[in-house]
Amino acid sequence: MPIVTVQQGPRDVELKRRLVEGITSAFVEAYRIPAETVQVWIHEVPADSWGAAGRLQSDA
């Protein structure tokens, strides 16, 4: 059973639905497994707790 972990900033629930559907479809197609065996975990990190290029994302 594949478990996919996505770490990202906060997103709208509809975008997360599309992401989960797309990731699940990719595994079903690539591995030829039932969709029910694919799990996607989304960890949302607040913009003030995530930095890139030396700056907090909340400052971008």
PDB file of N, CA and C in Angstrom:
ATOM      1  N   MET A   1       0.841  -1.166   0.000  1.00  0.00           N
ATOM      2  CA  MET A   1       0.000   0.000   0.000  1.00  0.00           C
ATOM      3  C   MET A   1       0.893   1.238   0.000  1.00  0.00           C
ATOM      4  N   PRO A   2       0.918   1.997  -1.093  1.00  0.00           N
ATOM      5  CA  PRO A   2       1.716   3.219  -1.132  1.00  0.00           C
ATOM      6  C   PRO A   2       1.117   4.310  -0.236  1.00  0.00           C
ATOM      7  N   ILE A   3       2.012   5.009   0.435  1.00  0.00           N
ATOM      8  CA  ILE A   3       1.632   6.189   1.201  1.00  0.00           C
ATOM      9  C   ILE A   3       2.460   7.344   0.664  1.00  0.00           C
ATOM     10  N   VAL A   4       1.797   8.375   0.185  1.00  0.00           N
ATOM     11  CA  VAL A   4       2.459   9.545  -0.378  1.00  0.00           C
ATOM     12  C   VAL A   4       2.271  10.692   0.605  1.00  0.00           C
ATOM     13  N   THR A   5       3.370  11.352   0.969  1.00  0.00           N
ATOM     14  CA  THR A   5       3.289  12.500   1.869  1.00  0.00           C
ATOM     15  C   THR A   5       3.610  13.764   1.096  1.00  0.00           C
ATOM     16  N   VAL A   6       2.728  14.746   1.198  1.00  0.00           N
ATOM     17  CA  VAL A   6       2.904  16.037   0.541  1.00  0.00           C
ATOM     18  C   VAL A   6       3.067  17.083   1.636  1.00  0.00           C
ATOM     19  N   GLN A   7       4.148  17.824   1.588  1.00  0.00           N
ATOM     20  CA  GLN A   7       4.335  18.945   2.503  1.00  0.00           C
ATOM     21  C   GLN A   7       4.216  20.217   1.691  1.00  0.00           C
ATOM     22  N   GLN A   8       3.357  21.121   2.157  1.00  0.00           N
ATOM     23  CA  GLN A   8       3.082  22.329   1.386  1.00  0.00           C
ATOM     24  C   GLN A   8       2.516  23.398   2.293  1.00  0.00           C
ATOM     25  N   GLY A   9       2.415  24.592   1.750  1.00  0.00           N
ATOM     26  CA  GLY A   9       1.707  25.662   2.428  1.00  0.00           C
ATOM     27  C   GLY A   9       0.214  25.422   2.313  1.00  0.00           C
ATOM     28  N   PRO A  10      -0.569  26.158   3.074  1.00  0.00           N
ATOM     29  CA  PRO A  10      -2.024  25.985   3.045  1.00  0.00           C
ATOM     30  C   PRO A  10      -2.605  26.182   1.638  1.00  0.00           C
ATOM     31  N   ARG A  11      -3.525  25.322   1.291  1.00  0.00           N
ATOM     32  CA  ARG A  11      -4.214  25.389   0.007  1.00  0.00           C
ATOM     33  C   ARG A  11      -5.706  25.206   0.232  1.00  0.00           C
ATOM     34  N   ASP A  12      -6.492  25.648  -0.726  1.00  0.00           N
ATOM     35  CA  ASP A  12      -7.937  25.482  -0.725  1.00  0.00           C
ATOM     36  C   ASP A  12      -8.283  23.988  -0.784  1.00  0.00           C
ATOM     37  N   VAL A  13      -9.365  23.600  -0.117  1.00  0.00           N
ATOM     38  CA  VAL A  13      -9.750  22.195  -0.062  1.00  0.00           C
ATOM     39  C   VAL A  13     -10.004  21.616  -1.453  1.00  0.00           C
ATOM     40  N   GLU A  14     -10.533  22.395  -2.379  1.00  0.00           N
ATOM     41  CA  GLU A  14     -10.773  21.882  -3.733  1.00  0.00           C
ATOM     42  C   GLU A  14      -9.458  21.547  -4.435  1.00  0.00           C
ATOM     43  N   LEU A  15      -8.436  22.366  -4.236  1.00  0.00           N
ATOM     44  CA  LEU A  15      -7.124  22.058  -4.820  1.00  0.00           C
ATOM     45  C   LEU A  15      -6.551  20.785  -4.221  1.00  0.00           C
ATOM     46  N   LYS A  16      -6.761  20.588  -2.924  1.00  0.00           N
ATOM     47  CA  LYS A  16      -6.265  19.365  -2.284  1.00  0.00           C
ATOM     48  C   LYS A  16      -7.017  18.141  -2.800  1.00  0.00           C
ATOM     49  N   ARG A  17      -8.308  18.277  -3.052  1.00  0.00           N
ATOM     50  CA  ARG A  17      -9.068  17.164  -3.643  1.00  0.00           C
ATOM     51  C   ARG A  17      -8.478  16.774  -5.001  1.00  0.00           C
ATOM     52  N   ARG A  18      -8.204  17.790  -5.833  1.00  0.00           N
ATOM     53  CA  ARG A  18      -7.640  17.526  -7.161  1.00  0.00           C
ATOM     54  C   ARG A  18      -6.264  16.871  -7.050  1.00  0.00           C
ATOM     55  N   LEU A  19      -5.465  17.340  -6.096  1.00  0.00           N
ATOM     56  CA  LEU A  19      -4.142  16.764  -5.900  1.00  0.00           C
ATOM     57  C   LEU A  19      -4.233  15.292  -5.509  1.00  0.00           C
ATOM     58  N   VAL A  20      -5.089  14.984  -4.539  1.00  0.00           N
ATOM     59  CA  VAL A  20      -5.254  13.600  -4.083  1.00  0.00           C
ATOM     60  C   VAL A  20      -5.754  12.718  -5.223  1.00  0.00           C
ATOM     61  N   GLU A  21      -6.699  13.203  -5.990  1.00  0.00           N
ATOM     62  CA  GLU A  21      -7.204  12.435  -7.136  1.00  0.00           C
ATOM     63  C   GLU A  21      -6.095  12.178  -8.151  1.00  0.00           C
ATOM     64  N   GLY A  22      -5.302  13.208  -8.449  1.00  0.00           N
ATOM     65  CA  GLY A  22      -4.227  13.065  -9.432  1.00  0.00           C
ATOM     66  C   GLY A  22      -3.134  12.119  -8.983  1.00  0.00           C
ATOM     67  N   ILE A  23      -2.725  12.231  -7.737  1.00  0.00           N
ATOM     68  CA  ILE A  23      -1.688  11.334  -7.209  1.00  0.00           C
ATOM     69  C   ILE A  23      -2.197   9.906  -7.200  1.00  0.00           C
ATOM     70  N   THR A  24      -3.424   9.715  -6.753  1.00  0.00           N
ATOM     71  CA  THR A  24      -4.004   8.368  -6.727  1.00  0.00           C
ATOM     72  C   THR A  24      -4.060   7.784  -8.137  1.00  0.00           C
ATOM     73  N   SER A  25      -4.517   8.560  -9.099  1.00  0.00           N
ATOM     74  CA  SER A  25      -4.592   8.084 -10.489  1.00  0.00           C
ATOM     75  C   SER A  25      -3.221   7.700 -11.024  1.00  0.00           C
ATOM     76  N   ALA A  26      -2.198   8.481 -10.681  1.00  0.00           N
ATOM     77  CA  ALA A  26      -0.839   8.182 -11.147  1.00  0.00           C
ATOM     78  C   ALA A  26      -0.361   6.839 -10.612  1.00  0.00           C
ATOM     79  N   PHE A  27      -0.634   6.552  -9.346  1.00  0.00           N
ATOM     80  CA  PHE A  27      -0.221   5.269  -8.779  1.00  0.00           C
ATOM     81  C   PHE A  27      -1.017   4.120  -9.362  1.00  0.00           C
ATOM     82  N   VAL A  28      -2.311   4.318  -9.549  1.00  0.00           N
ATOM     83  CA  VAL A  28      -3.149   3.275 -10.146  1.00  0.00           C
ATOM     84  C   VAL A  28      -2.632   2.925 -11.530  1.00  0.00           C
ATOM     85  N   GLU A  29      -2.306   3.928 -12.311  1.00  0.00           N
ATOM     86  CA  GLU A  29      -1.813   3.698 -13.672  1.00  0.00           C
ATOM     87  C   GLU A  29      -0.405   3.081 -13.679  1.00  0.00           C
ATOM     88  N   ALA A  30       0.484   3.634 -12.883  1.00  0.00           N
ATOM     89  CA  ALA A  30       1.881   3.179 -12.907  1.00  0.00           C
ATOM     90  C   ALA A  30       2.063   1.804 -12.281  1.00  0.00           C
ATOM     91  N   TYR A  31       1.383   1.555 -11.178  1.00  0.00           N
ATOM     92  CA  TYR A  31       1.585   0.307 -10.427  1.00  0.00           C
ATOM     93  C   TYR A  31       0.515  -0.739 -10.684  1.00  0.00           C
ATOM     94  N   ARG A  32      -0.559  -0.332 -11.395  1.00  0.00           N
ATOM     95  CA  ARG A  32      -1.671  -1.250 -11.663  1.00  0.00           C
ATOM     96  C   ARG A  32      -2.234  -1.816 -10.356  1.00  0.00           C
ATOM     97  N   ILE A  33      -2.564  -0.911  -9.441  1.00  0.00           N
ATOM     98  CA  ILE A  33      -3.110  -1.285  -8.139  1.00  0.00           C
ATOM     99  C   ILE A  33      -4.465  -0.617  -7.951  1.00  0.00           C
ATOM    100  N   PRO A  34      -5.290  -1.143  -7.046  1.00  0.00           N
ATOM    101  CA  PRO A  34      -6.584  -0.505  -6.791  1.00  0.00           C
ATOM    102  C   PRO A  34      -6.411   0.854  -6.108  1.00  0.00           C
ATOM    103  N   ALA A  35      -7.251   1.792  -6.453  1.00  0.00           N
ATOM    104  CA  ALA A  35      -7.197   3.124  -5.858  1.00  0.00           C
ATOM    105  C   ALA A  35      -7.338   3.057  -4.338  1.00  0.00           C
ATOM    106  N   GLU A  36      -8.069   2.085  -3.852  1.00  0.00           N
ATOM    107  CA  GLU A  36      -8.297   1.951  -2.411  1.00  0.00           C
ATOM    108  C   GLU A  36      -7.014   1.682  -1.623  1.00  0.00           C
ATOM    109  N   THR A  37      -5.958   1.275  -2.304  1.00  0.00           N
ATOM    110  CA  THR A  37      -4.706   0.972  -1.599  1.00  0.00           C
ATOM    111  C   THR A  37      -3.768   2.171  -1.505  1.00  0.00           C
ATOM    112  N   VAL A  38      -4.116   3.261  -2.165  1.00  0.00           N
ATOM    113  CA  VAL A  38      -3.250   4.451  -2.185  1.00  0.00           C
ATOM    114  C   VAL A  38      -3.708   5.436  -1.103  1.00  0.00           C
ATOM    115  N   GLN A  39      -2.753   5.860  -0.284  1.00  0.00           N
ATOM    116  CA  GLN A  39      -3.040   6.866   0.739  1.00  0.00           C
ATOM    117  C   GLN A  39      -2.205   8.110   0.444  1.00  0.00           C
ATOM    118  N   VAL A  40      -2.816   9.265   0.600  1.00  0.00           N
ATOM    119  CA  VAL A  40      -2.109  10.539   0.415  1.00  0.00           C
ATOM    120  C   VAL A  40      -2.289  11.350   1.697  1.00  0.00           C
ATOM    121  N   TRP A  41      -1.170  11.708   2.298  1.00  0.00           N
ATOM    122  CA  TRP A  41      -1.190  12.512   3.519  1.00  0.00           C
ATOM    123  C   TRP A  41      -0.693  13.902   3.168  1.00  0.00           C
ATOM    124  N   ILE A  42      -1.470  14.905   3.516  1.00  0.00           N
ATOM    125  CA  ILE A  42      -1.091  16.285   3.243  1.00  0.00           C
ATOM    126  C   ILE A  42      -0.764  16.973   4.566  1.00  0.00           C
ATOM    127  N   HIS A  43       0.460  17.436   4.662  1.00  0.00           N
ATOM    128  CA  HIS A  43       0.912  18.187   5.833  1.00  0.00           C
ATOM    129  C   HIS A  43       1.046  19.644   5.413  1.00  0.00           C
ATOM    130  N   GLU A  44       0.206  20.489   5.961  1.00  0.00           N
ATOM    131  CA  GLU A  44       0.256  21.907   5.617  1.00  0.00           C
ATOM    132  C   GLU A  44       1.086  22.659   6.660  1.00  0.00           C
ATOM    133  N   VAL A  45       2.016  23.425   6.166  1.00  0.00           N
ATOM    134  CA  VAL A  45       2.913  24.192   7.011  1.00  0.00           C
ATOM    135  C   VAL A  45       2.537  25.672   6.874  1.00  0.00           C
ATOM    136  N   PRO A  46       2.289  26.360   7.980  1.00  0.00           N
ATOM    137  CA  PRO A  46       1.965  27.785   7.900  1.00  0.00           C
ATOM    138  C   PRO A  46       3.109  28.574   7.262  1.00  0.00           C
ATOM    139  N   ALA A  47       2.760  29.627   6.559  1.00  0.00           N
ATOM    140  CA  ALA A  47       3.761  30.431   5.846  1.00  0.00           C
ATOM    141  C   ALA A  47       4.815  31.028   6.782  1.00  0.00           C
ATOM    142  N   ASP A  48       4.472  31.225   8.050  1.00  0.00           N
ATOM    143  CA  ASP A  48       5.460  31.767   8.984  1.00  0.00           C
ATOM    144  C   ASP A  48       6.330  30.688   9.625  1.00  0.00           C
ATOM    145  N   SER A  49       6.138  29.440   9.190  1.00  0.00           N
ATOM    146  CA  SER A  49       6.943  28.324   9.693  1.00  0.00           C
ATOM    147  C   SER A  49       7.687  27.620   8.563  1.00  0.00           C
ATOM    148  N   TRP A  50       7.872  28.327   7.440  1.00  0.00           N
ATOM    149  CA  TRP A  50       8.474  27.720   6.262  1.00  0.00           C
ATOM    150  C   TRP A  50       9.305  28.779   5.562  1.00  0.00           C
ATOM    151  N   GLY A  51      10.553  28.453   5.319  1.00  0.00           N
ATOM    152  CA  GLY A  51      11.435  29.402   4.660  1.00  0.00           C
ATOM    153  C   GLY A  51      12.021  28.848   3.382  1.00  0.00           C
ATOM    154  N   ALA A  52      12.356  29.744   2.469  1.00  0.00           N
ATOM    155  CA  ALA A  52      13.024  29.388   1.221  1.00  0.00           C
ATOM    156  C   ALA A  52      13.879  30.581   0.806  1.00  0.00           C
ATOM    157  N   ALA A  53      15.041  30.287   0.303  1.00  0.00           N
ATOM    158  CA  ALA A  53      15.954  31.332  -0.175  1.00  0.00           C
ATOM    159  C   ALA A  53      16.262  32.356   0.917  1.00  0.00           C
ATOM    160  N   GLY A  54      16.325  31.888   2.176  1.00  0.00           N
ATOM    161  CA  GLY A  54      16.698  32.749   3.272  1.00  0.00           C
ATOM    162  C   GLY A  54      15.599  33.630   3.826  1.00  0.00           C
ATOM    163  N   ARG A  55      14.351  33.407   3.376  1.00  0.00           N
ATOM    164  CA  ARG A  55      13.235  34.240   3.833  1.00  0.00           C
ATOM    165  C   ARG A  55      12.044  33.368   4.206  1.00  0.00           C
ATOM    166  N   LEU A  56      11.303  33.810   5.220  1.00  0.00           N
ATOM    167  CA  LEU A  56      10.053  33.159   5.527  1.00  0.00           C
ATOM    168  C   LEU A  56       9.074  33.379   4.382  1.00  0.00           C
ATOM    169  N   GLN A  57       8.262  32.382   4.104  1.00  0.00           N
ATOM    170  CA  GLN A  57       7.263  32.521   3.047  1.00  0.00           C
ATOM    171  C   GLN A  57       6.244  33.620   3.387  1.00  0.00           C
ATOM    172  N   SER A  58       6.005  33.858   4.662  1.00  0.00           N
ATOM    173  CA  SER A  58       5.074  34.916   5.047  1.00  0.00           C
ATOM    174  C   SER A  58       5.615  36.307   4.709  1.00  0.00           C
ATOM    175  N   ASP A  59       6.930  36.413   4.501  1.00  0.00           N
ATOM    176  CA  ASP A  59       7.544  37.687   4.140  1.00  0.00           C
ATOM    177  C   ASP A  59       7.655  37.886   2.627  1.00  0.00           C
ATOM    178  N   ALA A  60       7.323  36.853   1.892  1.00  0.00           N
ATOM    179  CA  ALA A  60       7.474  36.913   0.423  1.00  0.00           C
ATOM    180  C   ALA A  60       6.395  37.756  -0.218  1.00  0.00           C
TER     181      ALA A  60
END
